[in-house]
Structures are given as structure tokens and as C-alpha cells.
């Protein structure tokens, strides 16, 4: 086995141990109660009791037993969970404990193990400005480890971000309603700061139970005053000299970022999408617990 393969196995094992423990100790109950099955499945029949819904009458059994019987249903617990993981180049940014992509990978692993504990199928869609890889929903430890390996070693073929393309792929690939998590820094807007994925979000949220987990770095929200610097857009490759000592420049940037975040929140509220913002310098456990509790 090569040194690179050995190192990868060590990383896979490390993230498996940490995230599996979190899923068992913290998230299993909250995940189980927060994300419901697709519907109601027949369980049994029993004699009619006062207050039962007559629409649930089992007329065949009633006729045979010559006494009223009703069908009893229970919630379907098995679900299909699909993670849409942003692997665009902006995810390599990080000024704290981890980069955004590293944090997204660990959160995705926790969600995968939590889904497995709930006996759900898990699939993953990795995207940049195109669909980089799709792992169809499945079960089992080998399936989960395959997902984690891809999270750690996938090298995207493109640098940009196209959230709409990922959401459109989800809508086309998964026909039955699923529970979907969009994990991204959500930096996908036009020059004015308006999100470019509204229609795709509307369609996906209408078909699936969609939640957004946004990861950001605190340095992204405001430019520090550090003089004249050459700034490079990690996705487009464009460079520009920026005088960060200029109060006007810093204000304009902050206003743009605020418009970006306000636009996101308006879309999420409009289409009833649950969301949480998690910083690279914060404890993501609290963020996920807040997302679960808010449902």
C-alpha cells in the first residue's frame, strides 16, 4: 500500500471515529425526531374505538368479523437522505481552525452516520459549477466509508459554484420525496449580491424536504484595514489591487456581503427552507442541534 493510501485510510478512520461518536451520543435522537418519514405505512387492524376516524375502517375485516375494525398506521421511518456538498474552490478558504471545505466534510459525515442510525439510505452529490460526482443512496458501512473517502480526496474538475445546477440535478435524479441537505458557503450571487439560484431552490424545496447548512469564515464578512493588497478571486482567478485602508471600500464590501446574506434569508423564508449558519471558528454541534430543534 502506498504512503498516500495509508495516510488517506488514517484520515478516513479518524473522521469515522469522531463523527460516529457524535452521531451516537448527540444527534441520533434529535435527527430521529426532526426528520420524518415520507408518509404512513399500514401496521395492523384492531377493533373500532370511539373517536377513531371512520375513513380508516377496514370493511373487509369488519364484514368477516361482523364487528367494526379499523386499520392502524405508523409513520414510515426509513427515508432517503441526499447531501449536496459544495466542493468549489472558495471552500479552501479558512483563517481559523479549519477551512470551509474541511468543516463541510465533517458535518456531512455526521449527517451520514446519523441517517444510518435511523436506518435511512444516504446519497451524496458533490458539486462546483457542475455536478462533480453523484453517489446514489445506499446503506451499509462500506457505503458510508466510500462517501467519506470521496469527501476527503475528491479533486473537483472546476473551481466555480453553481448551486442551481446541483438543485436541478437533485430534482431530476431523486423522484420520490427525500430529505436533502445543501452544504455550502452559499457564495453564488450576481454583481449586485442577489442569489442566482432562486428558481431551482423553489422547485427543489417543493419536491423535497430541503435544509441549508451554510458554512462561512468570519474574515469573509468584513475587510480588515491592512493597506494596499492584491486580492484574487479563488473561483474566477481574477486579481485586483484593493486599498483596504479606504473606509469607503470596506463599507461597500460589507454592504455587498449583507445584501448577499439578506437575499439568502429572504429566499429561505419565502420557500420554507430551514437553515443554519456555522462559522469555521465555532462549534458546529450547536449549529446542527439548533437546526434540528427548530423543525
C-alpha atoms as a PDB file:
ATOM      1  CA  UNK A   1       0.000   0.000   0.000  1.00  0.00           C
ATOM      2  CA  UNK A   2       1.380   3.424  -0.940  1.00  0.00           C
ATOM      3  CA  UNK A   3       2.108   6.133   1.630  1.00  0.00           C
ATOM      4  CA  UNK A   4      -0.697   8.268   0.188  1.00  0.00           C
ATOM      5  CA  UNK A   5      -3.205   5.425   0.511  1.00  0.00           C
ATOM      6  CA  UNK A   6      -2.093   4.719   4.077  1.00  0.00           C
ATOM      7  CA  UNK A   7      -2.466   8.376   5.001  1.00  0.00           C
ATOM      8  CA  UNK A   8      -5.919   8.507   3.428  1.00  0.00           C
ATOM      9  CA  UNK A   9      -7.042   5.458   5.416  1.00  0.00           C
ATOM     10  CA  UNK A  10      -5.829   7.130   8.608  1.00  0.00           C
ATOM     11  CA  UNK A  11      -7.859  10.256   7.788  1.00  0.00           C
ATOM     12  CA  UNK A  12     -10.929   8.189   6.953  1.00  0.00           C
ATOM     13  CA  UNK A  13     -10.641   6.259  10.209  1.00  0.00           C
ATOM     14  CA  UNK A  14     -10.136   9.446  12.233  1.00  0.00           C
ATOM     15  CA  UNK A  15     -13.206  11.186  10.839  1.00  0.00           C
ATOM     16  CA  UNK A  16     -15.226   7.967  11.156  1.00  0.00           C
ATOM     17  CA  UNK A  17     -14.418   7.637  14.867  1.00  0.00           C
ATOM     18  CA  UNK A  18     -15.165  11.279  15.674  1.00  0.00           C
ATOM     19  CA  UNK A  19     -18.339  11.690  13.652  1.00  0.00           C
ATOM     20  CA  UNK A  20     -19.749   8.266  14.506  1.00  0.00           C
ATOM     21  CA  UNK A  21     -19.349   9.033  18.212  1.00  0.00           C
ATOM     22  CA  UNK A  22     -21.101  12.392  17.801  1.00  0.00           C
ATOM     23  CA  UNK A  23     -23.935  10.754  15.903  1.00  0.00           C
ATOM     24  CA  UNK A  24     -24.443   8.132  18.592  1.00  0.00           C
ATOM     25  CA  UNK A  25     -24.111  10.429  21.596  1.00  0.00           C
ATOM     26  CA  UNK A  26     -25.728  13.638  20.426  1.00  0.00           C
ATOM     27  CA  UNK A  27     -27.603  13.597  17.169  1.00  0.00           C
ATOM     28  CA  UNK A  28     -29.383  10.265  16.904  1.00  0.00           C
ATOM     29  CA  UNK A  29     -32.441  11.259  18.950  1.00  0.00           C
ATOM     30  CA  UNK A  30     -32.679  14.792  17.589  1.00  0.00           C
ATOM     31  CA  UNK A  31     -32.277  13.642  13.994  1.00  0.00           C
ATOM     32  CA  UNK A  32     -34.847  10.888  14.524  1.00  0.00           C
ATOM     33  CA  UNK A  33     -37.467  13.317  15.813  1.00  0.00           C
ATOM     34  CA  UNK A  34     -36.664  16.215  13.463  1.00  0.00           C
ATOM     35  CA  UNK A  35     -36.780  14.436  10.117  1.00  0.00           C
ATOM     36  CA  UNK A  36     -39.893  12.421   9.455  1.00  0.00           C
ATOM     37  CA  UNK A  37     -40.587   9.629   7.029  1.00  0.00           C
ATOM     38  CA  UNK A  38     -42.366  10.086   3.734  1.00  0.00           C
ATOM     39  CA  UNK A  39     -45.784   9.005   4.957  1.00  0.00           C
ATOM     40  CA  UNK A  40     -47.812   6.459   6.854  1.00  0.00           C
ATOM     41  CA  UNK A  41     -47.461   2.704   6.464  1.00  0.00           C
ATOM     42  CA  UNK A  42     -50.064   0.070   7.371  1.00  0.00           C
ATOM     43  CA  UNK A  43     -49.277  -1.636  10.675  1.00  0.00           C
ATOM     44  CA  UNK A  44     -52.271  -3.705  11.859  1.00  0.00           C
ATOM     45  CA  UNK A  45     -56.038  -3.806  12.350  1.00  0.00           C
ATOM     46  CA  UNK A  46     -57.897  -3.546  15.635  1.00  0.00           C
ATOM     47  CA  UNK A  47     -61.453  -3.190  16.833  1.00  0.00           C
ATOM     48  CA  UNK A  48     -63.075   0.199  16.351  1.00  0.00           C
ATOM     49  CA  UNK A  49     -62.911   2.533  19.364  1.00  0.00           C
ATOM     50  CA  UNK A  50     -64.923   5.674  19.966  1.00  0.00           C
ATOM     51  CA  UNK A  51     -63.204   8.603  18.239  1.00  0.00           C
ATOM     52  CA  UNK A  52     -61.461   6.566  15.507  1.00  0.00           C
ATOM     53  CA  UNK A  53     -61.544   8.058  12.020  1.00  0.00           C
ATOM     54  CA  UNK A  54     -64.181   6.186  10.020  1.00  0.00           C
ATOM     55  CA  UNK A  55     -62.059   6.710   6.921  1.00  0.00           C
ATOM     56  CA  UNK A  56     -59.693   4.094   8.349  1.00  0.00           C
ATOM     57  CA  UNK A  57     -62.387   1.419   8.573  1.00  0.00           C
ATOM     58  CA  UNK A  58     -61.315  -1.949   7.212  1.00  0.00           C
ATOM     59  CA  UNK A  59     -64.565  -3.025   5.625  1.00  0.00           C
ATOM     60  CA  UNK A  60     -63.358  -6.497   4.631  1.00  0.00           C
ATOM     61  CA  UNK A  61     -62.347  -7.391   8.183  1.00  0.00           C
ATOM     62  CA  UNK A  62     -65.468  -5.690   9.561  1.00  0.00           C
ATOM     63  CA  UNK A  63     -67.689  -7.849   7.316  1.00  0.00           C
ATOM     64  CA  UNK A  64     -65.796 -11.012   8.159  1.00  0.00           C
ATOM     65  CA  UNK A  65     -65.755 -10.414  11.930  1.00  0.00           C
ATOM     66  CA  UNK A  66     -69.233  -8.819  11.984  1.00  0.00           C
ATOM     67  CA  UNK A  67     -67.778  -6.107  14.186  1.00  0.00           C
ATOM     68  CA  UNK A  68     -66.203  -2.761  13.215  1.00  0.00           C
ATOM     69  CA  UNK A  69     -62.425  -2.834  12.696  1.00  0.00           C
ATOM     70  CA  UNK A  70     -60.054  -0.046  11.704  1.00  0.00           C
ATOM     71  CA  UNK A  71     -56.648  -0.004  10.060  1.00  0.00           C
ATOM     72  CA  UNK A  72     -53.765   1.259  12.209  1.00  0.00           C
ATOM     73  CA  UNK A  73     -50.938   3.131  10.508  1.00  0.00           C
ATOM     74  CA  UNK A  74     -47.498   4.095  11.720  1.00  0.00           C
ATOM     75  CA  UNK A  75     -45.070   6.618  10.372  1.00  0.00           C
ATOM     76  CA  UNK A  76     -42.582   5.346   7.834  1.00  0.00           C
ATOM     77  CA  UNK A  77     -39.212   5.869   9.461  1.00  0.00           C
ATOM     78  CA  UNK A  78     -36.935   4.848   6.628  1.00  0.00           C
ATOM     79  CA  UNK A  79     -36.019   7.823   4.463  1.00  0.00           C
ATOM     80  CA  UNK A  80     -33.690   8.668   1.645  1.00  0.00           C
ATOM     81  CA  UNK A  81     -31.188  11.355   2.632  1.00  0.00           C
ATOM     82  CA  UNK A  82     -29.188  13.220  -0.014  1.00  0.00           C
ATOM     83  CA  UNK A  83     -26.316  15.544   0.832  1.00  0.00           C
ATOM     84  CA  UNK A  84     -25.414  18.235  -1.695  1.00  0.00           C
ATOM     85  CA  UNK A  85     -21.812  19.130  -0.839  1.00  0.00           C
ATOM     86  CA  UNK A  86     -20.143  22.228  -2.293  1.00  0.00           C
ATOM     87  CA  UNK A  87     -16.555  21.455  -3.379  1.00  0.00           C
ATOM     88  CA  UNK A  88     -15.911  24.727  -5.222  1.00  0.00           C
ATOM     89  CA  UNK A  89     -12.582  26.450  -4.739  1.00  0.00           C
ATOM     90  CA  UNK A  90     -13.945  29.070  -2.328  1.00  0.00           C
ATOM     91  CA  UNK A  91     -14.220  26.241   0.201  1.00  0.00           C
ATOM     92  CA  UNK A  92     -10.439  26.169   0.534  1.00  0.00           C
ATOM     93  CA  UNK A  93     -10.569  29.467   2.429  1.00  0.00           C
ATOM     94  CA  UNK A  94     -10.150  29.358   6.177  1.00  0.00           C
ATOM     95  CA  UNK A  95      -8.482  31.586   8.766  1.00  0.00           C
ATOM     96  CA  UNK A  96      -9.453  29.652  11.875  1.00  0.00           C
ATOM     97  CA  UNK A  97      -9.427  26.014  12.991  1.00  0.00           C
ATOM     98  CA  UNK A  98     -10.324  24.581   9.574  1.00  0.00           C
ATOM     99  CA  UNK A  99     -11.136  25.522   6.011  1.00  0.00           C
ATOM    100  CA  UNK A 100     -14.754  25.711   4.942  1.00  0.00           C
ATOM    101  CA  UNK A 101     -14.414  22.523   2.911  1.00  0.00           C
ATOM    102  CA  UNK A 102     -12.950  20.580   5.853  1.00  0.00           C
ATOM    103  CA  UNK A 103     -15.816  21.718   8.060  1.00  0.00           C
ATOM    104  CA  UNK A 104     -18.387  20.820   5.407  1.00  0.00           C
ATOM    105  CA  UNK A 105     -16.856  17.349   5.085  1.00  0.00           C
ATOM    106  CA  UNK A 106     -17.079  16.669   8.806  1.00  0.00           C
ATOM    107  CA  UNK A 107     -20.659  17.932   9.050  1.00  0.00           C
ATOM    108  CA  UNK A 108     -21.598  15.771   6.053  1.00  0.00           C
ATOM    109  CA  UNK A 109     -20.035  12.741   7.758  1.00  0.00           C
ATOM    110  CA  UNK A 110     -22.006  13.397  10.953  1.00  0.00           C
ATOM    111  CA  UNK A 111     -25.253  13.646   8.996  1.00  0.00           C
ATOM    112  CA  UNK A 112     -24.395  10.433   7.129  1.00  0.00           C
ATOM    113  CA  UNK A 113     -23.844   8.475  10.339  1.00  0.00           C
ATOM    114  CA  UNK A 114     -26.969   9.994  11.919  1.00  0.00           C
ATOM    115  CA  UNK A 115     -29.011   8.892   8.916  1.00  0.00           C
ATOM    116  CA  UNK A 116     -27.540   5.402   9.138  1.00  0.00           C
ATOM    117  CA  UNK A 117     -28.510   5.132  12.801  1.00  0.00           C
ATOM    118  CA  UNK A 118     -32.049   5.958  11.674  1.00  0.00           C
ATOM    119  CA  UNK A 119     -31.837   3.161   9.079  1.00  0.00           C
ATOM    120  CA  UNK A 120     -32.013   5.666   6.214  1.00  0.00           C
ATOM    121  CA  UNK A 121     -30.362   5.458   2.824  1.00  0.00           C
ATOM    122  CA  UNK A 122     -27.696   8.093   2.180  1.00  0.00           C
ATOM    123  CA  UNK A 123     -26.540   9.552  -1.123  1.00  0.00           C
ATOM    124  CA  UNK A 124     -24.147  12.413  -1.889  1.00  0.00           C
ATOM    125  CA  UNK A 125     -23.879  14.892  -4.720  1.00  0.00           C
ATOM    126  CA  UNK A 126     -20.578  16.781  -4.932  1.00  0.00           C
ATOM    127  CA  UNK A 127     -20.781  19.967  -6.978  1.00  0.00           C
ATOM    128  CA  UNK A 128     -18.807  23.009  -8.112  1.00  0.00           C
ATOM    129  CA  UNK A 129     -20.220  24.872 -11.094  1.00  0.00           C
ATOM    130  CA  UNK A 130     -21.143  21.411 -12.354  1.00  0.00           C
ATOM    131  CA  UNK A 131     -22.014  18.066 -10.810  1.00  0.00           C
ATOM    132  CA  UNK A 132     -18.618  16.581  -9.955  1.00  0.00           C
ATOM    133  CA  UNK A 133     -19.780  13.210  -8.634  1.00  0.00           C
ATOM    134  CA  UNK A 134     -23.025  11.563  -7.562  1.00  0.00           C
ATOM    135  CA  UNK A 135     -23.099   8.602  -5.179  1.00  0.00           C
ATOM    136  CA  UNK A 136     -26.630   7.135  -5.307  1.00  0.00           C
ATOM    137  CA  UNK A 137     -28.395   6.496  -1.979  1.00  0.00           C
ATOM    138  CA  UNK A 138     -27.371   3.301  -0.246  1.00  0.00           C
ATOM    139  CA  UNK A 139     -26.791   1.663   3.102  1.00  0.00           C
ATOM    140  CA  UNK A 140     -24.013  -0.113   4.977  1.00  0.00           C
ATOM    141  CA  UNK A 141     -20.637   0.727   6.464  1.00  0.00           C
ATOM    142  CA  UNK A 142     -18.741   0.231   3.207  1.00  0.00           C
ATOM    143  CA  UNK A 143     -21.111   2.679   1.503  1.00  0.00           C
ATOM    144  CA  UNK A 144     -20.541   5.262   4.239  1.00  0.00           C
ATOM    145  CA  UNK A 145     -16.772   4.842   4.126  1.00  0.00           C
ATOM    146  CA  UNK A 146     -16.888   5.286   0.360  1.00  0.00           C
ATOM    147  CA  UNK A 147     -18.716   8.591   0.907  1.00  0.00           C
ATOM    148  CA  UNK A 148     -16.163   9.773   3.496  1.00  0.00           C
ATOM    149  CA  UNK A 149     -13.227   8.819   1.251  1.00  0.00           C
ATOM    150  CA  UNK A 150     -14.715  10.879  -1.560  1.00  0.00           C
ATOM    151  CA  UNK A 151     -15.217  13.820   0.800  1.00  0.00           C
ATOM    152  CA  UNK A 152     -11.539  13.732   1.697  1.00  0.00           C
ATOM    153  CA  UNK A 153      -9.885  13.043  -1.649  1.00  0.00           C
ATOM    154  CA  UNK A 154     -12.234  14.313  -4.373  1.00  0.00           C
ATOM    155  CA  UNK A 155     -10.430  16.747  -6.655  1.00  0.00           C
ATOM    156  CA  UNK A 156     -13.064  18.832  -8.470  1.00  0.00           C
ATOM    157  CA  UNK A 157     -12.585  19.417 -12.177  1.00  0.00           C
ATOM    158  CA  UNK A 158     -13.857  23.002 -11.915  1.00  0.00           C
ATOM    159  CA  UNK A 159     -13.420  25.907  -9.494  1.00  0.00           C
ATOM    160  CA  UNK A 160     -16.725  27.785  -9.680  1.00  0.00           C
ATOM    161  CA  UNK A 161     -20.073  27.480  -7.915  1.00  0.00           C
ATOM    162  CA  UNK A 162     -23.480  26.765  -9.427  1.00  0.00           C
ATOM    163  CA  UNK A 163     -25.978  25.926  -6.697  1.00  0.00           C
ATOM    164  CA  UNK A 164     -28.844  25.902  -9.200  1.00  0.00           C
ATOM    165  CA  UNK A 165     -27.183  23.097 -11.194  1.00  0.00           C
ATOM    166  CA  UNK A 166     -26.895  20.955  -8.048  1.00  0.00           C
ATOM    167  CA  UNK A 167     -30.525  21.555  -7.053  1.00  0.00           C
ATOM    168  CA  UNK A 168     -31.732  20.829 -10.587  1.00  0.00           C
ATOM    169  CA  UNK A 169     -29.795  17.561 -10.609  1.00  0.00           C
ATOM    170  CA  UNK A 170     -31.394  16.600  -7.287  1.00  0.00           C
ATOM    171  CA  UNK A 171     -34.880  17.270  -8.650  1.00  0.00           C
ATOM    172  CA  UNK A 172     -34.165  15.159 -11.744  1.00  0.00           C
ATOM    173  CA  UNK A 173     -32.294  12.276 -10.098  1.00  0.00           C
ATOM    174  CA  UNK A 174     -34.447  11.687  -6.993  1.00  0.00           C
ATOM    175  CA  UNK A 175     -38.086  11.284  -7.982  1.00  0.00           C
ATOM    176  CA  UNK A 176     -39.591  10.399  -4.611  1.00  0.00           C
ATOM    177  CA  UNK A 177     -39.560  12.924  -1.793  1.00  0.00           C
ATOM    178  CA  UNK A 178     -36.314  12.808   0.177  1.00  0.00           C
ATOM    179  CA  UNK A 179     -34.612  14.690   2.973  1.00  0.00           C
ATOM    180  CA  UNK A 180     -31.910  16.856   1.392  1.00  0.00           C
ATOM    181  CA  UNK A 181     -29.156  18.918   2.984  1.00  0.00           C
ATOM    182  CA  UNK A 182     -27.418  21.623   0.949  1.00  0.00           C
ATOM    183  CA  UNK A 183     -23.964  22.171   2.493  1.00  0.00           C
ATOM    184  CA  UNK A 184     -22.232  25.226   1.044  1.00  0.00           C
ATOM    185  CA  UNK A 185     -20.843  28.687   1.741  1.00  0.00           C
ATOM    186  CA  UNK A 186     -23.727  29.875  -0.492  1.00  0.00           C
ATOM    187  CA  UNK A 187     -21.499  32.362  -2.314  1.00  0.00           C
ATOM    188  CA  UNK A 188     -23.298  32.229  -5.646  1.00  0.00           C
ATOM    189  CA  UNK A 189     -24.635  35.683  -6.485  1.00  0.00           C
ATOM    190  CA  UNK A 190     -24.596  38.282  -9.232  1.00  0.00           C
ATOM    191  CA  UNK A 191     -22.595  41.512  -9.053  1.00  0.00           C
ATOM    192  CA  UNK A 192     -25.367  43.174  -7.039  1.00  0.00           C
ATOM    193  CA  UNK A 193     -25.290  40.415  -4.430  1.00  0.00           C
ATOM    194  CA  UNK A 194     -28.545  38.712  -5.453  1.00  0.00           C
ATOM    195  CA  UNK A 195     -28.587  34.865  -5.266  1.00  0.00           C
ATOM    196  CA  UNK A 196     -28.646  33.163  -8.672  1.00  0.00           C
ATOM    197  CA  UNK A 197     -30.475  30.001  -7.660  1.00  0.00           C
ATOM    198  CA  UNK A 198     -33.985  31.136  -6.678  1.00  0.00           C
ATOM    199  CA  UNK A 199     -35.988  29.116  -9.215  1.00  0.00           C
ATOM    200  CA  UNK A 200     -34.018  25.926  -8.583  1.00  0.00           C
ATOM    201  CA  UNK A 201     -34.420  26.378  -4.818  1.00  0.00           C
ATOM    202  CA  UNK A 202     -38.169  26.853  -5.235  1.00  0.00           C
ATOM    203  CA  UNK A 203     -38.519  23.654  -7.274  1.00  0.00           C
ATOM    204  CA  UNK A 204     -36.281  21.554  -5.003  1.00  0.00           C
ATOM    205  CA  UNK A 205     -37.988  22.774  -1.823  1.00  0.00           C
ATOM    206  CA  UNK A 206     -41.372  21.985  -3.343  1.00  0.00           C
ATOM    207  CA  UNK A 207     -40.401  18.386  -4.106  1.00  0.00           C
ATOM    208  CA  UNK A 208     -38.121  17.539  -1.184  1.00  0.00           C
ATOM    209  CA  UNK A 209     -37.597  18.316   2.494  1.00  0.00           C
ATOM    210  CA  UNK A 210     -34.678  20.704   1.969  1.00  0.00           C
ATOM    211  CA  UNK A 211     -32.427  22.234   4.634  1.00  0.00           C
ATOM    212  CA  UNK A 212     -29.425  24.512   4.110  1.00  0.00           C
ATOM    213  CA  UNK A 213     -26.269  24.331   6.211  1.00  0.00           C
ATOM    214  CA  UNK A 214     -24.185  27.389   5.385  1.00  0.00           C
ATOM    215  CA  UNK A 215     -20.525  27.446   6.413  1.00  0.00           C
ATOM    216  CA  UNK A 216     -18.607  30.717   6.448  1.00  0.00           C
ATOM    217  CA  UNK A 217     -15.333  32.144   7.701  1.00  0.00           C
ATOM    218  CA  UNK A 218     -15.584  35.231   9.953  1.00  0.00           C
ATOM    219  CA  UNK A 219     -12.984  37.046   7.821  1.00  0.00           C
ATOM    220  CA  UNK A 220     -15.361  36.973   4.862  1.00  0.00           C
ATOM    221  CA  UNK A 221     -17.850  39.357   6.423  1.00  0.00           C
ATOM    222  CA  UNK A 222     -15.563  42.387   6.679  1.00  0.00           C
ATOM    223  CA  UNK A 223     -12.335  43.532   5.061  1.00  0.00           C
ATOM    224  CA  UNK A 224      -9.517  44.239   7.541  1.00  0.00           C
ATOM    225  CA  UNK A 225      -7.641  47.538   7.146  1.00  0.00           C
ATOM    226  CA  UNK A 226      -4.222  46.218   6.055  1.00  0.00           C
ATOM    227  CA  UNK A 227      -3.292  48.664   3.314  1.00  0.00           C
ATOM    228  CA  UNK A 228      -2.949  48.020  -0.411  1.00  0.00           C
ATOM    229  CA  UNK A 229      -3.314  44.300  -1.171  1.00  0.00           C
ATOM    230  CA  UNK A 230      -3.647  42.179  -4.274  1.00  0.00           C
ATOM    231  CA  UNK A 231      -6.831  40.124  -3.976  1.00  0.00           C
ATOM    232  CA  UNK A 232      -7.562  37.070  -6.100  1.00  0.00           C
ATOM    233  CA  UNK A 233     -10.977  35.552  -6.687  1.00  0.00           C
ATOM    234  CA  UNK A 234     -10.344  31.880  -5.930  1.00  0.00           C
ATOM    235  CA  UNK A 235     -13.008  30.695  -8.374  1.00  0.00           C
ATOM    236  CA  UNK A 236     -12.647  33.008 -11.371  1.00  0.00           C
ATOM    237  CA  UNK A 237      -8.916  33.605 -10.962  1.00  0.00           C
ATOM    238  CA  UNK A 238      -9.338  37.377 -11.437  1.00  0.00           C
ATOM    239  CA  UNK A 239      -6.981  39.610  -9.466  1.00  0.00           C
ATOM    240  CA  UNK A 240      -7.302  43.228  -8.384  1.00  0.00           C
ATOM    241  CA  UNK A 241      -5.435  45.698  -6.189  1.00  0.00           C
ATOM    242  CA  UNK A 242      -7.614  46.886  -3.311  1.00  0.00           C
ATOM    243  CA  UNK A 243      -6.869  49.662  -0.841  1.00  0.00           C
ATOM    244  CA  UNK A 244      -8.275  48.153   2.341  1.00  0.00           C
ATOM    245  CA  UNK A 245      -7.379  51.305   4.290  1.00  0.00           C
ATOM    246  CA  UNK A 246     -10.223  53.033   2.445  1.00  0.00           C
ATOM    247  CA  UNK A 247     -13.283  53.237   4.695  1.00  0.00           C
ATOM    248  CA  UNK A 248     -15.471  53.542   1.592  1.00  0.00           C
ATOM    249  CA  UNK A 249     -14.057  50.316   0.130  1.00  0.00           C
ATOM    250  CA  UNK A 250     -14.593  48.413   3.357  1.00  0.00           C
ATOM    251  CA  UNK A 251     -18.139  49.792   3.649  1.00  0.00           C
ATOM    252  CA  UNK A 252     -19.002  48.834   0.064  1.00  0.00           C
ATOM    253  CA  UNK A 253     -17.753  45.309   0.621  1.00  0.00           C
ATOM    254  CA  UNK A 254     -19.727  44.939   3.866  1.00  0.00           C
ATOM    255  CA  UNK A 255     -22.862  46.243   2.154  1.00  0.00           C
ATOM    256  CA  UNK A 256     -22.424  43.700  -0.665  1.00  0.00           C
ATOM    257  CA  UNK A 257     -21.997  40.840   1.795  1.00  0.00           C
ATOM    258  CA  UNK A 258     -25.047  41.971   3.790  1.00  0.00           C
ATOM    259  CA  UNK A 259     -27.142  42.027   0.602  1.00  0.00           C
ATOM    260  CA  UNK A 260     -25.930  38.513  -0.150  1.00  0.00           C
ATOM    261  CA  UNK A 261     -26.963  37.221   3.280  1.00  0.00           C
ATOM    262  CA  UNK A 262     -30.253  39.117   3.279  1.00  0.00           C
ATOM    263  CA  UNK A 263     -31.100  37.663  -0.120  1.00  0.00           C
ATOM    264  CA  UNK A 264     -30.418  34.159   1.148  1.00  0.00           C
ATOM    265  CA  UNK A 265     -32.637  34.581   4.193  1.00  0.00           C
ATOM    266  CA  UNK A 266     -35.481  36.032   2.139  1.00  0.00           C
ATOM    267  CA  UNK A 267     -35.398  33.050  -0.221  1.00  0.00           C
ATOM    268  CA  UNK A 268     -35.270  30.543   2.622  1.00  0.00           C
ATOM    269  CA  UNK A 269     -38.238  32.190   4.327  1.00  0.00           C
ATOM    270  CA  UNK A 270     -40.186  32.501   1.071  1.00  0.00           C
ATOM    271  CA  UNK A 271     -39.858  28.802   0.239  1.00  0.00           C
ATOM    272  CA  UNK A 272     -39.922  27.482   3.822  1.00  0.00           C
ATOM    273  CA  UNK A 273     -36.371  26.137   3.836  1.00  0.00           C
ATOM    274  CA  UNK A 274     -34.794  25.518   7.244  1.00  0.00           C
ATOM    275  CA  UNK A 275     -31.245  26.842   7.508  1.00  0.00           C
ATOM    276  CA  UNK A 276     -28.363  27.415   9.878  1.00  0.00           C
ATOM    277  CA  UNK A 277     -25.127  29.422   9.586  1.00  0.00           C
ATOM    278  CA  UNK A 278     -21.997  27.788  11.020  1.00  0.00           C
ATOM    279  CA  UNK A 279     -18.659  29.593  11.313  1.00  0.00           C
ATOM    280  CA  UNK A 280     -15.285  27.903  10.918  1.00  0.00           C
ATOM    281  CA  UNK A 281     -14.336  29.213  14.374  1.00  0.00           C
ATOM    282  CA  UNK A 282     -17.458  27.888  16.153  1.00  0.00           C
ATOM    283  CA  UNK A 283     -18.740  24.559  17.445  1.00  0.00           C
ATOM    284  CA  UNK A 284     -20.811  23.063  14.641  1.00  0.00           C
ATOM    285  CA  UNK A 285     -22.533  20.739  17.126  1.00  0.00           C
ATOM    286  CA  UNK A 286     -24.529  23.673  18.498  1.00  0.00           C
ATOM    287  CA  UNK A 287     -25.474  24.765  14.990  1.00  0.00           C
ATOM    288  CA  UNK A 288     -26.787  21.347  13.993  1.00  0.00           C
ATOM    289  CA  UNK A 289     -28.665  20.959  17.266  1.00  0.00           C
ATOM    290  CA  UNK A 290     -30.319  24.350  16.642  1.00  0.00           C
ATOM    291  CA  UNK A 291     -31.314  23.228  13.121  1.00  0.00           C
ATOM    292  CA  UNK A 292     -32.836  20.014  14.452  1.00  0.00           C
ATOM    293  CA  UNK A 293     -34.613  21.749  17.337  1.00  0.00           C
ATOM    294  CA  UNK A 294     -36.127  24.376  15.035  1.00  0.00           C
ATOM    295  CA  UNK A 295     -38.024  21.821  12.960  1.00  0.00           C
END
